[in-house]
Structures are given as C-alpha cells and as structure tokens.
Amino acid sequence: MSQSDKTRVTVEIHNRSYTIVGQEPAHRMRMVASLVDQKMSEISAANPNLDTAKLAVLTAVNTTNDYLKLKEDYAQLLGSITRKEASKDND
C-alpha cells in the first residue's frame, strides 16, 4: 500500500494535536483518538499531578487491561456458542 492510499487525519488528544496516518477511515481514527482523550481525561481527573508521560503510560495500561478483559469475554462467549452448537448436533 502506498503512502497516497493511506488516510491522514489530525486529532487532538489531551490538548495536543497529532497527525495520524493509517488505513482506517478518518471517522474511525477520530473516534479512537476521542476515546483515548476521554480515558486520559478520566485518569488525569483522578491523578491531577501526573505528568503527560506517566498519564500516557497509565492510559495505555488501563486500555490494554480493558482490551484483555473483552478478549477473554469474547473467547468465553465463543466457547459457550460452540458448546451449545455441539450439544444441538448431538441431539
């Protein structure tokens, strides 16, 4: 994929502008940036003395934890569906 095929969008996260380049549509990149900004604002409100680097790391840790929980829930749900389908096939 060439550079011209990529989407380029400028977003604001924690009062700073960032240019994001990627294959996703612009509206998705804006949505992701907005969610990161929201998470940083939540953590900053609870910990107002954090510098930006520490705030960014805590945001990454929290977001990754949320992701892993969702991934585990998804795997359990798929397992449950698979078991139900298997028990249906055995009836």
C-alpha atoms as a PDB file:
ATOM      1  CA  MET A   1       0.000   0.000   0.000  1.00  0.00           C
ATOM      2  CA  SER A   2       1.453   3.340  -0.981  1.00  0.00           C
ATOM      3  CA  GLN A   3       1.505   6.425   1.210  1.00  0.00           C
ATOM      4  CA  SER A   4      -1.162   8.020  -1.013  1.00  0.00           C
ATOM      5  CA  ASP A   5      -3.577   5.160  -0.204  1.00  0.00           C
ATOM      6  CA  LYS A   6      -3.441   5.941   3.496  1.00  0.00           C
ATOM      7  CA  THR A   7      -5.765   8.224   5.415  1.00  0.00           C
ATOM      8  CA  ARG A   8      -4.222  11.204   7.176  1.00  0.00           C
ATOM      9  CA  VAL A   9      -6.132  12.976   9.931  1.00  0.00           C
ATOM     10  CA  THR A  10      -5.196  15.493  12.615  1.00  0.00           C
ATOM     11  CA  VAL A  11      -6.719  14.880  16.039  1.00  0.00           C
ATOM     12  CA  GLU A  12      -6.447  16.432  19.467  1.00  0.00           C
ATOM     13  CA  ILE A  13      -5.569  14.271  22.461  1.00  0.00           C
ATOM     14  CA  HIS A  14      -5.006  15.798  25.890  1.00  0.00           C
ATOM     15  CA  ASN A  15      -4.823  19.311  24.411  1.00  0.00           C
ATOM     16  CA  ARG A  16      -2.154  18.388  21.852  1.00  0.00           C
ATOM     17  CA  SER A  17      -2.518  17.909  18.107  1.00  0.00           C
ATOM     18  CA  TYR A  18      -1.378  14.671  16.492  1.00  0.00           C
ATOM     19  CA  THR A  19      -1.416  13.663  12.849  1.00  0.00           C
ATOM     20  CA  ILE A  20      -2.397  10.037  12.459  1.00  0.00           C
ATOM     21  CA  VAL A  21      -1.732   8.153   9.241  1.00  0.00           C
ATOM     22  CA  GLY A  22      -3.285   4.750   8.649  1.00  0.00           C
ATOM     23  CA  GLN A  23      -5.508   2.501   6.619  1.00  0.00           C
ATOM     24  CA  GLU A  24      -8.647   3.073   8.676  1.00  0.00           C
ATOM     25  CA  PRO A  25     -11.308   5.589   7.637  1.00  0.00           C
ATOM     26  CA  ALA A  26     -10.893   9.082   9.079  1.00  0.00           C
ATOM     27  CA  HIS A  27     -14.036   8.816  11.216  1.00  0.00           C
ATOM     28  CA  ARG A  28     -12.663   5.680  12.907  1.00  0.00           C
ATOM     29  CA  MET A  29      -9.317   7.319  13.656  1.00  0.00           C
ATOM     30  CA  ARG A  30     -11.150  10.320  15.117  1.00  0.00           C
ATOM     31  CA  MET A  31     -13.291   8.012  17.254  1.00  0.00           C
ATOM     32  CA  VAL A  32     -10.216   6.157  18.567  1.00  0.00           C
ATOM     33  CA  ALA A  33      -8.480   9.453  19.342  1.00  0.00           C
ATOM     34  CA  SER A  34     -11.601  10.669  21.142  1.00  0.00           C
ATOM     35  CA  LEU A  35     -11.696   7.530  23.295  1.00  0.00           C
ATOM     36  CA  VAL A  36      -8.004   7.919  24.160  1.00  0.00           C
ATOM     37  CA  ASP A  37      -8.635  11.564  25.037  1.00  0.00           C
ATOM     38  CA  GLN A  38     -11.579  10.581  27.261  1.00  0.00           C
ATOM     39  CA  LYS A  39      -9.558   7.903  29.068  1.00  0.00           C
ATOM     40  CA  MET A  40      -6.672  10.327  29.608  1.00  0.00           C
ATOM     41  CA  SER A  41      -9.112  12.916  30.996  1.00  0.00           C
ATOM     42  CA  GLU A  42     -10.598  10.356  33.414  1.00  0.00           C
ATOM     43  CA  ILE A  43      -7.188   9.283  34.688  1.00  0.00           C
ATOM     44  CA  SER A  44      -5.949  12.882  34.860  1.00  0.00           C
ATOM     45  CA  ALA A  45      -9.006  13.906  36.913  1.00  0.00           C
ATOM     46  CA  ALA A  46      -8.254  11.129  39.418  1.00  0.00           C
ATOM     47  CA  ASN A  47      -4.494  11.851  39.399  1.00  0.00           C
ATOM     48  CA  PRO A  48      -4.033  15.558  38.647  1.00  0.00           C
ATOM     49  CA  ASN A  49      -0.301  15.608  39.443  1.00  0.00           C
ATOM     50  CA  LEU A  50       0.717  13.111  36.740  1.00  0.00           C
ATOM     51  CA  ASP A  51       2.974  14.389  34.005  1.00  0.00           C
ATOM     52  CA  THR A  52       1.953  13.660  30.426  1.00  0.00           C
ATOM     53  CA  ALA A  53       4.317  10.696  30.001  1.00  0.00           C
ATOM     54  CA  LYS A  54       3.037   8.933  33.134  1.00  0.00           C
ATOM     55  CA  LEU A  55      -0.531   9.760  32.174  1.00  0.00           C
ATOM     56  CA  ALA A  56       0.015   8.247  28.723  1.00  0.00           C
ATOM     57  CA  VAL A  57       1.509   5.063  30.208  1.00  0.00           C
ATOM     58  CA  LEU A  58      -1.363   4.671  32.692  1.00  0.00           C
ATOM     59  CA  THR A  59      -3.824   5.239  29.865  1.00  0.00           C
ATOM     60  CA  ALA A  60      -2.106   2.534  27.805  1.00  0.00           C
ATOM     61  CA  VAL A  61      -2.115   0.130  30.774  1.00  0.00           C
ATOM     62  CA  ASN A  62      -5.800   0.756  31.505  1.00  0.00           C
ATOM     63  CA  THR A  63      -6.781   0.459  27.862  1.00  0.00           C
ATOM     64  CA  THR A  64      -4.806  -2.757  27.417  1.00  0.00           C
ATOM     65  CA  ASN A  65      -6.420  -4.194  30.543  1.00  0.00           C
ATOM     66  CA  ASP A  66      -9.873  -3.339  29.159  1.00  0.00           C
ATOM     67  CA  TYR A  67      -8.907  -4.941  25.844  1.00  0.00           C
ATOM     68  CA  LEU A  68      -7.712  -8.146  27.509  1.00  0.00           C
ATOM     69  CA  LYS A  69     -10.916  -8.401  29.555  1.00  0.00           C
ATOM     70  CA  LEU A  70     -13.003  -8.017  26.387  1.00  0.00           C
ATOM     71  CA  LYS A  71     -10.843 -10.572  24.581  1.00  0.00           C
ATOM     72  CA  GLU A  72     -11.360 -13.073  27.417  1.00  0.00           C
ATOM     73  CA  ASP A  73     -15.111 -12.403  27.463  1.00  0.00           C
ATOM     74  CA  TYR A  74     -15.206 -12.915  23.699  1.00  0.00           C
ATOM     75  CA  ALA A  75     -13.328 -16.215  23.960  1.00  0.00           C
ATOM     76  CA  GLN A  76     -15.726 -17.422  26.684  1.00  0.00           C
ATOM     77  CA  LEU A  77     -18.711 -16.412  24.584  1.00  0.00           C
ATOM     78  CA  LEU A  78     -17.352 -18.236  21.534  1.00  0.00           C
ATOM     79  CA  GLY A  79     -16.730 -21.308  23.680  1.00  0.00           C
ATOM     80  CA  SER A  80     -20.268 -21.168  25.009  1.00  0.00           C
ATOM     81  CA  ILE A  81     -21.700 -20.870  21.494  1.00  0.00           C
ATOM     82  CA  THR A  82     -19.527 -23.755  20.281  1.00  0.00           C
ATOM     83  CA  ARG A  83     -20.664 -25.964  23.184  1.00  0.00           C
ATOM     84  CA  LYS A  84     -24.328 -25.133  22.533  1.00  0.00           C
ATOM     85  CA  GLU A  85     -23.966 -25.903  18.834  1.00  0.00           C
ATOM     86  CA  ALA A  86     -22.184 -29.181  19.629  1.00  0.00           C
ATOM     87  CA  SER A  87     -24.895 -30.223  22.075  1.00  0.00           C
ATOM     88  CA  LYS A  88     -27.545 -29.387  19.454  1.00  0.00           C
ATOM     89  CA  ASP A  89     -25.752 -31.569  16.911  1.00  0.00           C
ATOM     90  CA  ASN A  90     -25.701 -34.457  19.387  1.00  0.00           C
ATOM     91  CA  ASP A  91     -29.475 -34.312  19.991  1.00  0.00           C
END
